[in-house]
Amino acid sequence: MRLVSIRVGDIHCEACAASIESSLSSLDGVLDIRVLINDKRVVVRYDPDKVSREDLIRAIRDLGFSPED
Protein backbone atom coordinates (compact mmCIF):
# COMPACT_ATOMS: atom_id res chain seq x y z
CA MET A 1 0.00 0.00 0.00
CA ARG A 2 1.10 3.54 -0.70
CA LEU A 3 -0.08 6.92 0.48
CA VAL A 4 0.13 9.97 -1.76
CA SER A 5 -0.81 13.59 -1.18
CA ILE A 6 -1.66 15.52 -4.35
CA ARG A 7 -2.04 19.29 -4.28
CA VAL A 8 -5.12 20.45 -6.19
CA GLY A 9 -5.24 24.24 -5.92
CA ASP A 10 -8.66 24.62 -7.52
CA ILE A 11 -10.65 22.62 -4.94
CA HIS A 12 -13.19 25.10 -3.55
CA CYS A 13 -16.13 23.28 -2.00
CA GLU A 14 -17.83 20.07 -0.93
CA ALA A 15 -19.10 19.51 -4.49
CA CYS A 16 -15.48 19.54 -5.74
CA ALA A 17 -14.53 17.08 -3.02
CA ALA A 18 -17.46 14.78 -3.78
CA SER A 19 -16.65 14.78 -7.48
CA ILE A 20 -13.02 13.83 -6.85
CA GLU A 21 -13.94 11.18 -4.29
CA SER A 22 -16.47 9.61 -6.63
CA SER A 23 -14.06 9.49 -9.56
CA LEU A 24 -11.11 8.10 -7.62
CA SER A 25 -13.17 5.54 -5.73
CA SER A 26 -14.12 3.96 -9.06
CA LEU A 27 -10.48 3.12 -9.79
CA ASP A 28 -9.43 -0.44 -8.98
CA GLY A 29 -6.77 -0.33 -6.28
CA VAL A 30 -7.89 2.86 -4.53
CA LEU A 31 -8.46 2.01 -0.87
CA ASP A 32 -9.12 5.34 0.85
CA ILE A 33 -9.55 8.96 -0.23
CA ARG A 34 -9.54 12.14 1.81
CA VAL A 35 -10.11 15.49 0.17
CA LEU A 36 -8.83 18.28 2.40
CA ILE A 37 -10.60 21.36 1.06
CA ASN A 38 -8.84 23.88 3.32
CA ASP A 39 -5.41 22.43 2.48
CA LYS A 40 -6.31 22.00 -1.21
CA ARG A 41 -5.02 18.41 -1.09
CA VAL A 42 -6.24 14.96 -2.01
CA VAL A 43 -4.75 12.17 0.08
CA VAL A 44 -5.11 8.69 -1.37
CA ARG A 45 -4.14 5.27 -0.03
CA TYR A 46 -3.78 2.85 -2.92
CA ASP A 47 -2.32 -0.42 -4.16
CA PRO A 48 0.51 0.43 -6.61
CA ASP A 49 0.15 -2.99 -8.24
CA LYS A 50 -3.32 -1.97 -9.47
CA VAL A 51 -3.21 1.80 -9.94
CA SER A 52 -0.42 4.35 -10.28
CA ARG A 53 0.02 7.87 -8.99
CA GLU A 54 -0.18 9.00 -12.61
CA ASP A 55 -3.58 7.27 -12.94
CA LEU A 56 -4.83 9.21 -9.92
CA ILE A 57 -3.58 12.51 -11.33
CA ARG A 58 -5.11 11.74 -14.74
CA ALA A 59 -8.50 10.99 -13.14
CA ILE A 60 -8.42 14.31 -11.27
CA ARG A 61 -7.43 16.17 -14.47
CA ASP A 62 -10.22 14.45 -16.41
CA LEU A 63 -12.67 16.12 -14.01
CA GLY A 64 -11.32 19.55 -14.98
CA PHE A 65 -9.10 20.14 -11.94
CA SER A 66 -5.41 21.06 -12.08
CA PRO A 67 -3.43 18.74 -9.82
CA GLU A 68 0.23 19.55 -9.33
CA ASP A 69 2.58 16.70 -10.21
PDB file of N, CA and C in Angstrom:
ATOM      1  N   MET A   1       0.830  -1.172   0.000  1.00  0.00           N
ATOM      2  CA  MET A   1       0.000   0.000   0.000  1.00  0.00           C
ATOM      3  C   MET A   1       0.882   1.246   0.000  1.00  0.00           C
ATOM      4  N   ARG A   2       0.404   2.255  -0.664  1.00  0.00           N
ATOM      5  CA  ARG A   2       1.098   3.543  -0.700  1.00  0.00           C
ATOM      6  C   ARG A   2       0.127   4.650  -0.330  1.00  0.00           C
ATOM      7  N   LEU A   3       0.694   5.740   0.137  1.00  0.00           N
ATOM      8  CA  LEU A   3      -0.079   6.923   0.477  1.00  0.00           C
ATOM      9  C   LEU A   3       0.520   8.079  -0.305  1.00  0.00           C
ATOM     10  N   VAL A   4      -0.330   8.822  -0.997  1.00  0.00           N
ATOM     11  CA  VAL A   4       0.134   9.969  -1.765  1.00  0.00           C
ATOM     12  C   VAL A   4      -0.735  11.167  -1.421  1.00  0.00           C
ATOM     13  N   SER A   5      -0.104  12.335  -1.383  1.00  0.00           N
ATOM     14  CA  SER A   5      -0.812  13.589  -1.181  1.00  0.00           C
ATOM     15  C   SER A   5      -0.616  14.417  -2.447  1.00  0.00           C
ATOM     16  N   ILE A   6      -1.710  14.781  -3.086  1.00  0.00           N
ATOM     17  CA  ILE A   6      -1.663  15.521  -4.348  1.00  0.00           C
ATOM     18  C   ILE A   6      -2.281  16.894  -4.118  1.00  0.00           C
ATOM     19  N   ARG A   7      -1.508  17.934  -4.418  1.00  0.00           N
ATOM     20  CA  ARG A   7      -2.037  19.295  -4.281  1.00  0.00           C
ATOM     21  C   ARG A   7      -2.931  19.598  -5.467  1.00  0.00           C
ATOM     22  N   VAL A   8      -4.149  20.074  -5.162  1.00  0.00           N
ATOM     23  CA  VAL A   8      -5.119  20.454  -6.192  1.00  0.00           C
ATOM     24  C   VAL A   8      -5.632  21.841  -5.799  1.00  0.00           C
ATOM     25  N   GLY A   9      -4.982  22.863  -6.335  1.00  0.00           N
ATOM     26  CA  GLY A   9      -5.244  24.238  -5.922  1.00  0.00           C
ATOM     27  C   GLY A   9      -6.618  24.769  -6.242  1.00  0.00           C
ATOM     28  N   ASP A  10      -7.339  24.102  -7.149  1.00  0.00           N
ATOM     29  CA  ASP A  10      -8.656  24.618  -7.518  1.00  0.00           C
ATOM     30  C   ASP A  10      -9.818  23.855  -6.880  1.00  0.00           C
ATOM     31  N   ILE A  11      -9.569  23.197  -5.744  1.00  0.00           N
ATOM     32  CA  ILE A  11     -10.655  22.622  -4.942  1.00  0.00           C
ATOM     33  C   ILE A  11     -11.248  23.766  -4.123  1.00  0.00           C
ATOM     34  N   HIS A  12     -12.574  23.971  -4.236  1.00  0.00           N
ATOM     35  CA  HIS A  12     -13.188  25.099  -3.545  1.00  0.00           C
ATOM     36  C   HIS A  12     -14.312  24.733  -2.582  1.00  0.00           C
ATOM     37  N   CYS A  13     -14.922  23.552  -2.777  1.00  0.00           N
ATOM     38  CA  CYS A  13     -16.134  23.281  -2.000  1.00  0.00           C
ATOM     39  C   CYS A  13     -16.379  21.782  -1.852  1.00  0.00           C
ATOM     40  N   GLU A  14     -17.442  21.470  -1.141  1.00  0.00           N
ATOM     41  CA  GLU A  14     -17.829  20.073  -0.927  1.00  0.00           C
ATOM     42  C   GLU A  14     -18.190  19.373  -2.242  1.00  0.00           C
ATOM     43  N   ALA A  15     -18.754  20.115  -3.190  1.00  0.00           N
ATOM     44  CA  ALA A  15     -19.096  19.510  -4.488  1.00  0.00           C
ATOM     45  C   ALA A  15     -17.823  19.087  -5.224  1.00  0.00           C
ATOM     46  N   CYS A  16     -16.782  19.907  -5.150  1.00  0.00           N
ATOM     47  CA  CYS A  16     -15.482  19.544  -5.739  1.00  0.00           C
ATOM     48  C   CYS A  16     -14.969  18.261  -5.082  1.00  0.00           C
ATOM     49  N   ALA A  17     -15.007  18.236  -3.760  1.00  0.00           N
ATOM     50  CA  ALA A  17     -14.527  17.079  -3.016  1.00  0.00           C
ATOM     51  C   ALA A  17     -15.312  15.826  -3.383  1.00  0.00           C
ATOM     52  N   ALA A  18     -16.622  15.934  -3.454  1.00  0.00           N
ATOM     53  CA  ALA A  18     -17.464  14.778  -3.780  1.00  0.00           C
ATOM     54  C   ALA A  18     -17.172  14.259  -5.184  1.00  0.00           C
ATOM     55  N   SER A  19     -16.955  15.164  -6.109  1.00  0.00           N
ATOM     56  CA  SER A  19     -16.652  14.781  -7.478  1.00  0.00           C
ATOM     57  C   SER A  19     -15.337  14.008  -7.548  1.00  0.00           C
ATOM     58  N   ILE A  20     -14.327  14.500  -6.870  1.00  0.00           N
ATOM     59  CA  ILE A  20     -13.016  13.831  -6.855  1.00  0.00           C
ATOM     60  C   ILE A  20     -13.120  12.475  -6.158  1.00  0.00           C
ATOM     61  N   GLU A  21     -13.786  12.436  -5.023  1.00  0.00           N
ATOM     62  CA  GLU A  21     -13.937  11.183  -4.291  1.00  0.00           C
ATOM     63  C   GLU A  21     -14.662  10.140  -5.130  1.00  0.00           C
ATOM     64  N   SER A  22     -15.710  10.536  -5.806  1.00  0.00           N
ATOM     65  CA  SER A  22     -16.474   9.611  -6.635  1.00  0.00           C
ATOM     66  C   SER A  22     -15.626   9.052  -7.771  1.00  0.00           C
ATOM     67  N   SER A  23     -14.888   9.914  -8.433  1.00  0.00           N
ATOM     68  CA  SER A  23     -14.061   9.485  -9.555  1.00  0.00           C
ATOM     69  C   SER A  23     -12.946   8.547  -9.104  1.00  0.00           C
ATOM     70  N   LEU A  24     -12.234   8.919  -8.068  1.00  0.00           N
ATOM     71  CA  LEU A  24     -11.113   8.099  -7.624  1.00  0.00           C
ATOM     72  C   LEU A  24     -11.562   6.780  -7.020  1.00  0.00           C
ATOM     73  N   SER A  25     -12.699   6.784  -6.355  1.00  0.00           N
ATOM     74  CA  SER A  25     -13.173   5.544  -5.735  1.00  0.00           C
ATOM     75  C   SER A  25     -13.542   4.494  -6.775  1.00  0.00           C
ATOM     76  N   SER A  26     -13.780   4.921  -8.008  1.00  0.00           N
ATOM     77  CA  SER A  26     -14.123   3.963  -9.062  1.00  0.00           C
ATOM     78  C   SER A  26     -12.893   3.260  -9.637  1.00  0.00           C
ATOM     79  N   LEU A  27     -11.700   3.738  -9.287  1.00  0.00           N
ATOM     80  CA  LEU A  27     -10.475   3.124  -9.791  1.00  0.00           C
ATOM     81  C   LEU A  27     -10.115   1.895  -8.963  1.00  0.00           C
ATOM     82  N   ASP A  28      -9.842   0.785  -9.650  1.00  0.00           N
ATOM     83  CA  ASP A  28      -9.427  -0.440  -8.981  1.00  0.00           C
ATOM     84  C   ASP A  28      -8.082  -0.199  -8.299  1.00  0.00           C
ATOM     85  N   GLY A  29      -8.008  -0.508  -7.029  1.00  0.00           N
ATOM     86  CA  GLY A  29      -6.767  -0.333  -6.281  1.00  0.00           C
ATOM     87  C   GLY A  29      -6.781   0.845  -5.333  1.00  0.00           C
ATOM     88  N   VAL A  30      -7.772   1.729  -5.459  1.00  0.00           N
ATOM     89  CA  VAL A  30      -7.886   2.857  -4.529  1.00  0.00           C
ATOM     90  C   VAL A  30      -8.595   2.364  -3.272  1.00  0.00           C
ATOM     91  N   LEU A  31      -7.947   2.544  -2.128  1.00  0.00           N
ATOM     92  CA  LEU A  31      -8.464   2.012  -0.868  1.00  0.00           C
ATOM     93  C   LEU A  31      -9.109   3.055   0.021  1.00  0.00           C
ATOM     94  N   ASP A  32      -8.586   4.284  -0.024  1.00  0.00           N
ATOM     95  CA  ASP A  32      -9.118   5.340   0.850  1.00  0.00           C
ATOM     96  C   ASP A  32      -8.788   6.693   0.227  1.00  0.00           C
ATOM     97  N   ILE A  33      -9.729   7.622   0.327  1.00  0.00           N
ATOM     98  CA  ILE A  33      -9.551   8.964  -0.233  1.00  0.00           C
ATOM     99  C   ILE A  33      -9.978   9.981   0.811  1.00  0.00           C
ATOM    100  N   ARG A  34      -9.166  11.001   0.976  1.00  0.00           N
ATOM    101  CA  ARG A  34      -9.545  12.136   1.811  1.00  0.00           C
ATOM    102  C   ARG A  34      -9.271  13.396   1.013  1.00  0.00           C
ATOM    103  N   VAL A  35     -10.290  14.208   0.833  1.00  0.00           N
ATOM    104  CA  VAL A  35     -10.113  15.491   0.167  1.00  0.00           C
ATOM    105  C   VAL A  35     -10.116  16.551   1.261  1.00  0.00           C
ATOM    106  N   LEU A  36      -8.997  17.252   1.374  1.00  0.00           N
ATOM    107  CA  LEU A  36      -8.827  18.279   2.395  1.00  0.00           C
ATOM    108  C   LEU A  36      -9.020  19.630   1.719  1.00  0.00           C
ATOM    109  N   ILE A  37     -10.244  20.133   1.785  1.00  0.00           N
ATOM    110  CA  ILE A  37     -10.601  21.359   1.064  1.00  0.00           C
ATOM    111  C   ILE A  37      -9.743  22.538   1.515  1.00  0.00           C
ATOM    112  N   ASN A  38      -9.602  22.735   2.809  1.00  0.00           N
ATOM    113  CA  ASN A  38      -8.836  23.881   3.318  1.00  0.00           C
ATOM    114  C   ASN A  38      -7.364  23.817   2.936  1.00  0.00           C
ATOM    115  N   ASP A  39      -6.817  22.611   2.847  1.00  0.00           N
ATOM    116  CA  ASP A  39      -5.409  22.426   2.478  1.00  0.00           C
ATOM    117  C   ASP A  39      -5.223  22.286   0.968  1.00  0.00           C
ATOM    118  N   LYS A  40      -6.347  22.179   0.244  1.00  0.00           N
ATOM    119  CA  LYS A  40      -6.305  21.999  -1.210  1.00  0.00           C
ATOM    120  C   LYS A  40      -5.472  20.772  -1.582  1.00  0.00           C
ATOM    121  N   ARG A  41      -5.745  19.655  -0.884  1.00  0.00           N
ATOM    122  CA  ARG A  41      -5.018  18.407  -1.092  1.00  0.00           C
ATOM    123  C   ARG A  41      -5.971  17.230  -1.171  1.00  0.00           C
ATOM    124  N   VAL A  42      -5.539  16.242  -1.947  1.00  0.00           N
ATOM    125  CA  VAL A  42      -6.235  14.962  -2.006  1.00  0.00           C
ATOM    126  C   VAL A  42      -5.241  13.921  -1.517  1.00  0.00           C
ATOM    127  N   VAL A  43      -5.610  13.196  -0.481  1.00  0.00           N
ATOM    128  CA  VAL A  43      -4.752  12.167   0.084  1.00  0.00           C
ATOM    129  C   VAL A  43      -5.384  10.824  -0.252  1.00  0.00           C
ATOM    130  N   VAL A  44      -4.586   9.969  -0.901  1.00  0.00           N
ATOM    131  CA  VAL A  44      -5.109   8.687  -1.374  1.00  0.00           C
ATOM    132  C   VAL A  44      -4.212   7.551  -0.898  1.00  0.00           C
ATOM    133  N   ARG A  45      -4.838   6.519  -0.346  1.00  0.00           N
ATOM    134  CA  ARG A  45      -4.137   5.271  -0.028  1.00  0.00           C
ATOM    135  C   ARG A  45      -4.521   4.293  -1.122  1.00  0.00           C
ATOM    136  N   TYR A  46      -3.505   3.690  -1.759  1.00  0.00           N
ATOM    137  CA  TYR A  46      -3.783   2.852  -2.924  1.00  0.00           C
ATOM    138  C   TYR A  46      -2.797   1.698  -3.041  1.00  0.00           C
ATOM    139  N   ASP A  47      -3.157   0.726  -3.872  1.00  0.00           N
ATOM    140  CA  ASP A  47      -2.322  -0.423  -4.164  1.00  0.00           C
ATOM    141  C   ASP A  47      -1.578  -0.138  -5.463  1.00  0.00           C
ATOM    142  N   PRO A  48      -0.249   0.069  -5.407  1.00  0.00           N
ATOM    143  CA  PRO A  48       0.507   0.429  -6.607  1.00  0.00           C
ATOM    144  C   PRO A  48       0.582  -0.694  -7.644  1.00  0.00           C
ATOM    145  N   ASP A  49       0.193  -1.899  -7.267  1.00  0.00           N
ATOM    146  CA  ASP A  49       0.146  -2.992  -8.240  1.00  0.00           C
ATOM    147  C   ASP A  49      -1.091  -2.897  -9.133  1.00  0.00           C
ATOM    148  N   LYS A  50      -2.071  -2.097  -8.717  1.00  0.00           N
ATOM    149  CA  LYS A  50      -3.318  -1.974  -9.469  1.00  0.00           C
ATOM    150  C   LYS A  50      -3.526  -0.606 -10.095  1.00  0.00           C
ATOM    151  N   VAL A  51      -3.006   0.425  -9.461  1.00  0.00           N
ATOM    152  CA  VAL A  51      -3.212   1.798  -9.942  1.00  0.00           C
ATOM    153  C   VAL A  51      -1.952   2.610  -9.625  1.00  0.00           C
ATOM    154  N   SER A  52      -1.622   3.531 -10.496  1.00  0.00           N
ATOM    155  CA  SER A  52      -0.421   4.346 -10.285  1.00  0.00           C
ATOM    156  C   SER A  52      -0.786   5.760  -9.848  1.00  0.00           C
ATOM    157  N   ARG A  53       0.205   6.462  -9.345  1.00  0.00           N
ATOM    158  CA  ARG A  53       0.024   7.867  -8.990  1.00  0.00           C
ATOM    159  C   ARG A  53      -0.410   8.661 -10.217  1.00  0.00           C
ATOM    160  N   GLU A  54       0.164   8.324 -11.365  1.00  0.00           N
ATOM    161  CA  GLU A  54      -0.184   9.000 -12.610  1.00  0.00           C
ATOM    162  C   GLU A  54      -1.651   8.767 -12.981  1.00  0.00           C
ATOM    163  N   ASP A  55      -2.155   7.555 -12.698  1.00  0.00           N
ATOM    164  CA  ASP A  55      -3.579   7.271 -12.942  1.00  0.00           C
ATOM    165  C   ASP A  55      -4.463   8.165 -12.079  1.00  0.00           C
ATOM    166  N   LEU A  56      -4.057   8.366 -10.832  1.00  0.00           N
ATOM    167  CA  LEU A  56      -4.826   9.211  -9.919  1.00  0.00           C
ATOM    168  C   LEU A  56      -4.843  10.654 -10.422  1.00  0.00           C
ATOM    169  N   ILE A  57      -3.682  11.142 -10.815  1.00  0.00           N
ATOM    170  CA  ILE A  57      -3.581  12.507 -11.328  1.00  0.00           C
ATOM    171  C   ILE A  57      -4.409  12.668 -12.599  1.00  0.00           C
ATOM    172  N   ARG A  58      -4.337  11.694 -13.485  1.00  0.00           N
ATOM    173  CA  ARG A  58      -5.112  11.743 -14.737  1.00  0.00           C
ATOM    174  C   ARG A  58      -6.611  11.800 -14.450  1.00  0.00           C
ATOM    175  N   ALA A  59      -7.075  11.009 -13.489  1.00  0.00           N
ATOM    176  CA  ALA A  59      -8.503  10.992 -13.137  1.00  0.00           C
ATOM    177  C   ALA A  59      -8.943  12.353 -12.601  1.00  0.00           C
ATOM    178  N   ILE A  60      -8.096  12.988 -11.805  1.00  0.00           N
ATOM    179  CA  ILE A  60      -8.420  14.314 -11.272  1.00  0.00           C
ATOM    180  C   ILE A  60      -8.440  15.336 -12.409  1.00  0.00           C
ATOM    181  N   ARG A  61      -7.463  15.261 -13.307  1.00  0.00           N
ATOM    182  CA  ARG A  61      -7.430  16.175 -14.469  1.00  0.00           C
ATOM    183  C   ARG A  61      -8.651  15.989 -15.361  1.00  0.00           C
ATOM    184  N   ASP A  62      -9.060  14.732 -15.556  1.00  0.00           N
ATOM    185  CA  ASP A  62     -10.218  14.449 -16.405  1.00  0.00           C
ATOM    186  C   ASP A  62     -11.492  15.108 -15.883  1.00  0.00           C
ATOM    187  N   LEU A  63     -11.525  15.422 -14.597  1.00  0.00           N
ATOM    188  CA  LEU A  63     -12.666  16.122 -14.005  1.00  0.00           C
ATOM    189  C   LEU A  63     -12.604  17.631 -14.228  1.00  0.00           C
ATOM    190  N   GLY A  64     -11.470  18.112 -14.738  1.00  0.00           N
ATOM    191  CA  GLY A  64     -11.316  19.546 -14.983  1.00  0.00           C
ATOM    192  C   GLY A  64     -10.504  20.277 -13.927  1.00  0.00           C
ATOM    193  N   PHE A  65      -9.945  19.530 -12.969  1.00  0.00           N
ATOM    194  CA  PHE A  65      -9.102  20.142 -11.941  1.00  0.00           C
ATOM    195  C   PHE A  65      -7.664  20.172 -12.426  1.00  0.00           C
ATOM    196  N   SER A  66      -6.830  20.916 -11.709  1.00  0.00           N
ATOM    197  CA  SER A  66      -5.412  21.064 -12.078  1.00  0.00           C
ATOM    198  C   SER A  66      -4.496  20.582 -10.967  1.00  0.00           C
ATOM    199  N   PRO A  67      -4.339  19.260 -10.851  1.00  0.00           N
ATOM    200  CA  PRO A  67      -3.429  18.742  -9.825  1.00  0.00           C
ATOM    201  C   PRO A  67      -1.979  19.073 -10.165  1.00  0.00           C
ATOM    202  N   GLU A  68      -1.202  19.280  -9.138  1.00  0.00           N
ATOM    203  CA  GLU A  68       0.230  19.550  -9.331  1.00  0.00           C
ATOM    204  C   GLU A  68       0.977  18.229  -9.215  1.00  0.00           C
ATOM    205  N   ASP A  69       1.820  17.956 -10.197  1.00  0.00           N
ATOM    206  CA  ASP A  69       2.584  16.703 -10.213  1.00  0.00           C
ATOM    207  C   ASP A  69       3.618  16.665  -9.123  1.00  0.00           C
TER     208      ASP A  69
END
